[in-house]
């Protein structure tokens, strides 16, 4: 009896860990494929998953129904999650550019109170990453999947000042001395 209760508690703990991740569906597309007997319908879902504390991922799921596609998209997004270094002002440490396909995303840090100035899928990625003050611009393609992936690429390229100092084998204070 006690063993069964322990197992149940462990299951609840795992669910609590999963519930800190938020999911947002960016786009759902109905896709048709022409086959011998006619047309085969399926759905493609673009999903962004993040914990609003510096981790975010973008995933794509394809299935015969919308719910299945979203579930697959969430699993894919968790698999491809990246961690984002955030400053005390909930911004990014420095400028960053990201590229995915024909989409380019440019990001700049902003002072507190600015908010998230971004559009479309980039805004969703930044909000779920926990960034609260940032300036971002989509350049090139308007494809939501490529823009979301470009935003994740830009966030993945970010480094903190302490990481840069460690790589160069110099003290942190020497980075700012000119």
C-alpha atoms as a PDB file:
ATOM      1  CA  UNK A   1       0.000   0.000   0.000  1.00  0.00           C
ATOM      2  CA  UNK A   2       2.722   2.475   0.997  1.00  0.00           C
ATOM      3  CA  UNK A   3       4.756   1.523  -2.089  1.00  0.00           C
ATOM      4  CA  UNK A   4       1.862   2.473  -4.350  1.00  0.00           C
ATOM      5  CA  UNK A   5       1.493   5.879  -2.653  1.00  0.00           C
ATOM      6  CA  UNK A   6       5.217   6.546  -3.072  1.00  0.00           C
ATOM      7  CA  UNK A   7       4.957   5.809  -6.794  1.00  0.00           C
ATOM      8  CA  UNK A   8       1.969   8.126  -7.078  1.00  0.00           C
ATOM      9  CA  UNK A   9       3.889  10.942  -5.354  1.00  0.00           C
ATOM     10  CA  UNK A  10       6.829  10.516  -7.728  1.00  0.00           C
ATOM     11  CA  UNK A  11       4.461  10.767 -10.680  1.00  0.00           C
ATOM     12  CA  UNK A  12       3.041  14.014  -9.327  1.00  0.00           C
ATOM     13  CA  UNK A  13       6.541  15.419  -8.844  1.00  0.00           C
ATOM     14  CA  UNK A  14       7.331  14.788 -12.506  1.00  0.00           C
ATOM     15  CA  UNK A  15       4.122  16.517 -13.541  1.00  0.00           C
ATOM     16  CA  UNK A  16       5.011  19.564 -11.422  1.00  0.00           C
ATOM     17  CA  UNK A  17       8.417  19.715 -13.116  1.00  0.00           C
ATOM     18  CA  UNK A  18       6.742  19.637 -16.539  1.00  0.00           C
ATOM     19  CA  UNK A  19       4.146  22.262 -15.603  1.00  0.00           C
ATOM     20  CA  UNK A  20       6.781  24.998 -15.238  1.00  0.00           C
ATOM     21  CA  UNK A  21       7.211  24.845 -19.032  1.00  0.00           C
ATOM     22  CA  UNK A  22       4.754  26.915 -21.016  1.00  0.00           C
ATOM     23  CA  UNK A  23       3.693  25.985 -24.529  1.00  0.00           C
ATOM     24  CA  UNK A  24       2.470  28.316 -27.248  1.00  0.00           C
ATOM     25  CA  UNK A  25       1.323  27.268 -30.680  1.00  0.00           C
ATOM     26  CA  UNK A  26       2.664  29.701 -33.288  1.00  0.00           C
ATOM     27  CA  UNK A  27       0.984  28.188 -36.341  1.00  0.00           C
ATOM     28  CA  UNK A  28      -1.162  25.245 -37.396  1.00  0.00           C
ATOM     29  CA  UNK A  29      -1.214  24.365 -41.091  1.00  0.00           C
ATOM     30  CA  UNK A  30      -3.377  21.847 -42.885  1.00  0.00           C
ATOM     31  CA  UNK A  31      -1.139  20.012 -45.325  1.00  0.00           C
ATOM     32  CA  UNK A  32      -2.370  17.860 -48.200  1.00  0.00           C
ATOM     33  CA  UNK A  33      -0.404  15.232 -50.074  1.00  0.00           C
ATOM     34  CA  UNK A  34      -1.684  13.869 -53.366  1.00  0.00           C
ATOM     35  CA  UNK A  35      -1.555  10.066 -53.341  1.00  0.00           C
ATOM     36  CA  UNK A  36      -2.919   7.354 -55.618  1.00  0.00           C
ATOM     37  CA  UNK A  37      -6.368   7.261 -53.973  1.00  0.00           C
ATOM     38  CA  UNK A  38      -6.816  11.047 -53.753  1.00  0.00           C
ATOM     39  CA  UNK A  39      -5.565  13.539 -51.178  1.00  0.00           C
ATOM     40  CA  UNK A  40      -4.168  12.702 -47.754  1.00  0.00           C
ATOM     41  CA  UNK A  41      -4.748  15.380 -45.090  1.00  0.00           C
ATOM     42  CA  UNK A  42      -2.382  16.005 -42.184  1.00  0.00           C
ATOM     43  CA  UNK A  43      -1.541  18.894 -39.857  1.00  0.00           C
ATOM     44  CA  UNK A  44       1.709  20.691 -39.079  1.00  0.00           C
ATOM     45  CA  UNK A  45       2.075  22.581 -35.801  1.00  0.00           C
ATOM     46  CA  UNK A  46       4.861  25.006 -34.904  1.00  0.00           C
ATOM     47  CA  UNK A  47       5.222  25.122 -31.111  1.00  0.00           C
ATOM     48  CA  UNK A  48       7.418  27.240 -28.821  1.00  0.00           C
ATOM     49  CA  UNK A  49       8.187  25.930 -25.321  1.00  0.00           C
ATOM     50  CA  UNK A  50       9.866  27.914 -22.538  1.00  0.00           C
ATOM     51  CA  UNK A  51      10.102  28.250 -18.774  1.00  0.00           C
ATOM     52  CA  UNK A  52      10.416  32.092 -18.683  1.00  0.00           C
ATOM     53  CA  UNK A  53      13.697  31.670 -16.776  1.00  0.00           C
ATOM     54  CA  UNK A  54      16.181  31.428 -19.631  1.00  0.00           C
ATOM     55  CA  UNK A  55      15.259  28.234 -21.472  1.00  0.00           C
ATOM     56  CA  UNK A  56      13.351  28.117 -24.763  1.00  0.00           C
ATOM     57  CA  UNK A  57      12.926  25.788 -27.739  1.00  0.00           C
ATOM     58  CA  UNK A  58      11.095  25.652 -31.078  1.00  0.00           C
ATOM     59  CA  UNK A  59       9.618  22.440 -32.449  1.00  0.00           C
ATOM     60  CA  UNK A  60       7.543  21.148 -35.345  1.00  0.00           C
ATOM     61  CA  UNK A  61       5.080  18.288 -35.204  1.00  0.00           C
ATOM     62  CA  UNK A  62       3.159  16.610 -38.014  1.00  0.00           C
ATOM     63  CA  UNK A  63       0.215  14.261 -37.486  1.00  0.00           C
ATOM     64  CA  UNK A  64      -3.198  13.294 -38.791  1.00  0.00           C
ATOM     65  CA  UNK A  65      -4.935  15.383 -36.117  1.00  0.00           C
ATOM     66  CA  UNK A  66      -4.164  18.773 -34.554  1.00  0.00           C
ATOM     67  CA  UNK A  67      -3.724  17.498 -30.984  1.00  0.00           C
ATOM     68  CA  UNK A  68      -1.219  14.854 -32.077  1.00  0.00           C
ATOM     69  CA  UNK A  69       0.728  17.424 -34.096  1.00  0.00           C
ATOM     70  CA  UNK A  70       0.902  19.794 -31.111  1.00  0.00           C
ATOM     71  CA  UNK A  71       2.094  16.987 -28.792  1.00  0.00           C
ATOM     72  CA  UNK A  72       4.837  16.028 -31.247  1.00  0.00           C
ATOM     73  CA  UNK A  73       5.790  19.699 -31.613  1.00  0.00           C
ATOM     74  CA  UNK A  74       6.116  20.097 -27.830  1.00  0.00           C
ATOM     75  CA  UNK A  75       8.342  17.002 -27.611  1.00  0.00           C
ATOM     76  CA  UNK A  76      10.512  18.326 -30.468  1.00  0.00           C
ATOM     77  CA  UNK A  77      10.759  21.787 -28.870  1.00  0.00           C
ATOM     78  CA  UNK A  78      11.904  20.338 -25.531  1.00  0.00           C
ATOM     79  CA  UNK A  79      14.524  18.299 -27.362  1.00  0.00           C
ATOM     80  CA  UNK A  80      15.922  21.419 -29.069  1.00  0.00           C
ATOM     81  CA  UNK A  81      15.742  23.793 -26.069  1.00  0.00           C
ATOM     82  CA  UNK A  82      18.600  26.250 -25.513  1.00  0.00           C
ATOM     83  CA  UNK A  83      19.535  28.240 -22.408  1.00  0.00           C
ATOM     84  CA  UNK A  84      19.653  32.027 -22.615  1.00  0.00           C
ATOM     85  CA  UNK A  85      21.829  34.238 -20.378  1.00  0.00           C
ATOM     86  CA  UNK A  86      19.685  37.063 -18.961  1.00  0.00           C
ATOM     87  CA  UNK A  87      20.871  40.289 -17.323  1.00  0.00           C
ATOM     88  CA  UNK A  88      19.464  41.785 -14.107  1.00  0.00           C
ATOM     89  CA  UNK A  89      17.188  43.965 -16.276  1.00  0.00           C
ATOM     90  CA  UNK A  90      15.767  40.790 -17.913  1.00  0.00           C
ATOM     91  CA  UNK A  91      17.437  41.690 -21.186  1.00  0.00           C
ATOM     92  CA  UNK A  92      20.217  40.106 -23.227  1.00  0.00           C
ATOM     93  CA  UNK A  93      23.907  40.871 -22.498  1.00  0.00           C
ATOM     94  CA  UNK A  94      24.849  42.129 -25.982  1.00  0.00           C
ATOM     95  CA  UNK A  95      23.669  42.496 -29.584  1.00  0.00           C
ATOM     96  CA  UNK A  96      23.010  39.299 -31.488  1.00  0.00           C
ATOM     97  CA  UNK A  97      21.965  38.172 -34.954  1.00  0.00           C
ATOM     98  CA  UNK A  98      20.411  34.853 -35.912  1.00  0.00           C
ATOM     99  CA  UNK A  99      19.869  33.171 -39.274  1.00  0.00           C
ATOM    100  CA  UNK A 100      17.633  30.261 -40.259  1.00  0.00           C
ATOM    101  CA  UNK A 101      16.750  29.638 -43.883  1.00  0.00           C
ATOM    102  CA  UNK A 102      15.875  32.960 -45.514  1.00  0.00           C
ATOM    103  CA  UNK A 103      15.046  34.625 -42.192  1.00  0.00           C
ATOM    104  CA  UNK A 104      17.388  36.897 -40.276  1.00  0.00           C
ATOM    105  CA  UNK A 105      16.652  38.237 -36.793  1.00  0.00           C
ATOM    106  CA  UNK A 106      18.498  41.158 -35.210  1.00  0.00           C
ATOM    107  CA  UNK A 107      18.339  41.642 -31.414  1.00  0.00           C
ATOM    108  CA  UNK A 108      19.550  44.461 -29.196  1.00  0.00           C
ATOM    109  CA  UNK A 109      19.455  44.771 -25.408  1.00  0.00           C
ATOM    110  CA  UNK A 110      17.131  47.429 -23.986  1.00  0.00           C
ATOM    111  CA  UNK A 111      16.854  49.361 -20.727  1.00  0.00           C
ATOM    112  CA  UNK A 112      14.275  48.411 -18.074  1.00  0.00           C
ATOM    113  CA  UNK A 113      10.725  49.458 -18.932  1.00  0.00           C
ATOM    114  CA  UNK A 114      11.163  49.084 -22.692  1.00  0.00           C
ATOM    115  CA  UNK A 115       9.232  45.828 -23.003  1.00  0.00           C
ATOM    116  CA  UNK A 116       9.453  43.261 -25.777  1.00  0.00           C
ATOM    117  CA  UNK A 117       9.534  45.128 -29.063  1.00  0.00           C
ATOM    118  CA  UNK A 118       9.322  42.316 -31.586  1.00  0.00           C
ATOM    119  CA  UNK A 119       6.741  40.818 -33.890  1.00  0.00           C
ATOM    120  CA  UNK A 120       5.280  37.450 -34.769  1.00  0.00           C
ATOM    121  CA  UNK A 121       7.068  34.269 -33.822  1.00  0.00           C
ATOM    122  CA  UNK A 122      10.136  36.172 -32.528  1.00  0.00           C
ATOM    123  CA  UNK A 123       7.990  37.838 -29.855  1.00  0.00           C
ATOM    124  CA  UNK A 124       6.652  34.466 -28.709  1.00  0.00           C
ATOM    125  CA  UNK A 125      10.178  33.015 -28.455  1.00  0.00           C
ATOM    126  CA  UNK A 126      11.460  36.006 -26.456  1.00  0.00           C
ATOM    127  CA  UNK A 127       8.505  36.049 -24.049  1.00  0.00           C
ATOM    128  CA  UNK A 128       8.803  32.336 -23.287  1.00  0.00           C
ATOM    129  CA  UNK A 129      12.572  32.714 -22.798  1.00  0.00           C
ATOM    130  CA  UNK A 130      11.885  35.240 -20.030  1.00  0.00           C
ATOM    131  CA  UNK A 131      13.279  38.288 -21.833  1.00  0.00           C
ATOM    132  CA  UNK A 132      11.310  41.399 -20.784  1.00  0.00           C
ATOM    133  CA  UNK A 133      13.310  44.281 -22.307  1.00  0.00           C
ATOM    134  CA  UNK A 134      14.581  43.879 -25.855  1.00  0.00           C
ATOM    135  CA  UNK A 135      14.498  45.355 -29.342  1.00  0.00           C
ATOM    136  CA  UNK A 136      14.212  42.811 -32.167  1.00  0.00           C
ATOM    137  CA  UNK A 137      13.656  43.029 -35.898  1.00  0.00           C
ATOM    138  CA  UNK A 138      12.816  40.349 -38.455  1.00  0.00           C
ATOM    139  CA  UNK A 139      14.664  40.752 -41.738  1.00  0.00           C
ATOM    140  CA  UNK A 140      14.152  38.772 -44.919  1.00  0.00           C
ATOM    141  CA  UNK A 141      11.576  35.999 -44.813  1.00  0.00           C
ATOM    142  CA  UNK A 142       8.247  36.283 -42.984  1.00  0.00           C
ATOM    143  CA  UNK A 143       7.991  32.490 -42.518  1.00  0.00           C
ATOM    144  CA  UNK A 144       7.096  31.945 -38.814  1.00  0.00           C
ATOM    145  CA  UNK A 145       9.094  28.705 -38.491  1.00  0.00           C
ATOM    146  CA  UNK A 146      12.301  30.183 -39.911  1.00  0.00           C
ATOM    147  CA  UNK A 147      11.864  33.381 -37.859  1.00  0.00           C
ATOM    148  CA  UNK A 148      11.370  31.392 -34.647  1.00  0.00           C
ATOM    149  CA  UNK A 149      14.433  29.256 -35.407  1.00  0.00           C
ATOM    150  CA  UNK A 150      16.464  32.384 -36.242  1.00  0.00           C
ATOM    151  CA  UNK A 151      15.433  33.916 -32.892  1.00  0.00           C
ATOM    152  CA  UNK A 152      16.560  30.763 -31.055  1.00  0.00           C
ATOM    153  CA  UNK A 153      19.830  30.864 -33.035  1.00  0.00           C
ATOM    154  CA  UNK A 154      20.410  34.486 -31.970  1.00  0.00           C
ATOM    155  CA  UNK A 155      19.687  33.607 -28.326  1.00  0.00           C
ATOM    156  CA  UNK A 156      21.963  30.548 -28.488  1.00  0.00           C
ATOM    157  CA  UNK A 157      24.871  32.738 -29.685  1.00  0.00           C
ATOM    158  CA  UNK A 158      24.720  34.937 -26.557  1.00  0.00           C
ATOM    159  CA  UNK A 159      27.587  34.793 -24.057  1.00  0.00           C
ATOM    160  CA  UNK A 160      28.003  36.401 -20.655  1.00  0.00           C
ATOM    161  CA  UNK A 161      30.951  38.655 -19.838  1.00  0.00           C
ATOM    162  CA  UNK A 162      32.320  36.101 -17.379  1.00  0.00           C
ATOM    163  CA  UNK A 163      32.321  33.399 -20.102  1.00  0.00           C
ATOM    164  CA  UNK A 164      34.273  35.697 -22.445  1.00  0.00           C
ATOM    165  CA  UNK A 165      36.781  36.526 -19.699  1.00  0.00           C
ATOM    166  CA  UNK A 166      37.240  32.811 -18.927  1.00  0.00           C
ATOM    167  CA  UNK A 167      37.824  32.000 -22.619  1.00  0.00           C
ATOM    168  CA  UNK A 168      40.460  34.735 -22.918  1.00  0.00           C
ATOM    169  CA  UNK A 169      42.073  33.828 -19.572  1.00  0.00           C
ATOM    170  CA  UNK A 170      41.865  37.401 -18.278  1.00  0.00           C
ATOM    171  CA  UNK A 171      40.137  38.850 -15.204  1.00  0.00           C
ATOM    172  CA  UNK A 172      36.604  40.202 -15.663  1.00  0.00           C
ATOM    173  CA  UNK A 173      37.699  43.759 -14.758  1.00  0.00           C
ATOM    174  CA  UNK A 174      40.184  43.788 -17.651  1.00  0.00           C
ATOM    175  CA  UNK A 175      37.340  43.352 -20.175  1.00  0.00           C
ATOM    176  CA  UNK A 176      36.003  46.814 -19.297  1.00  0.00           C
ATOM    177  CA  UNK A 177      39.394  48.580 -18.970  1.00  0.00           C
ATOM    178  CA  UNK A 178      40.337  50.598 -22.016  1.00  0.00           C
END
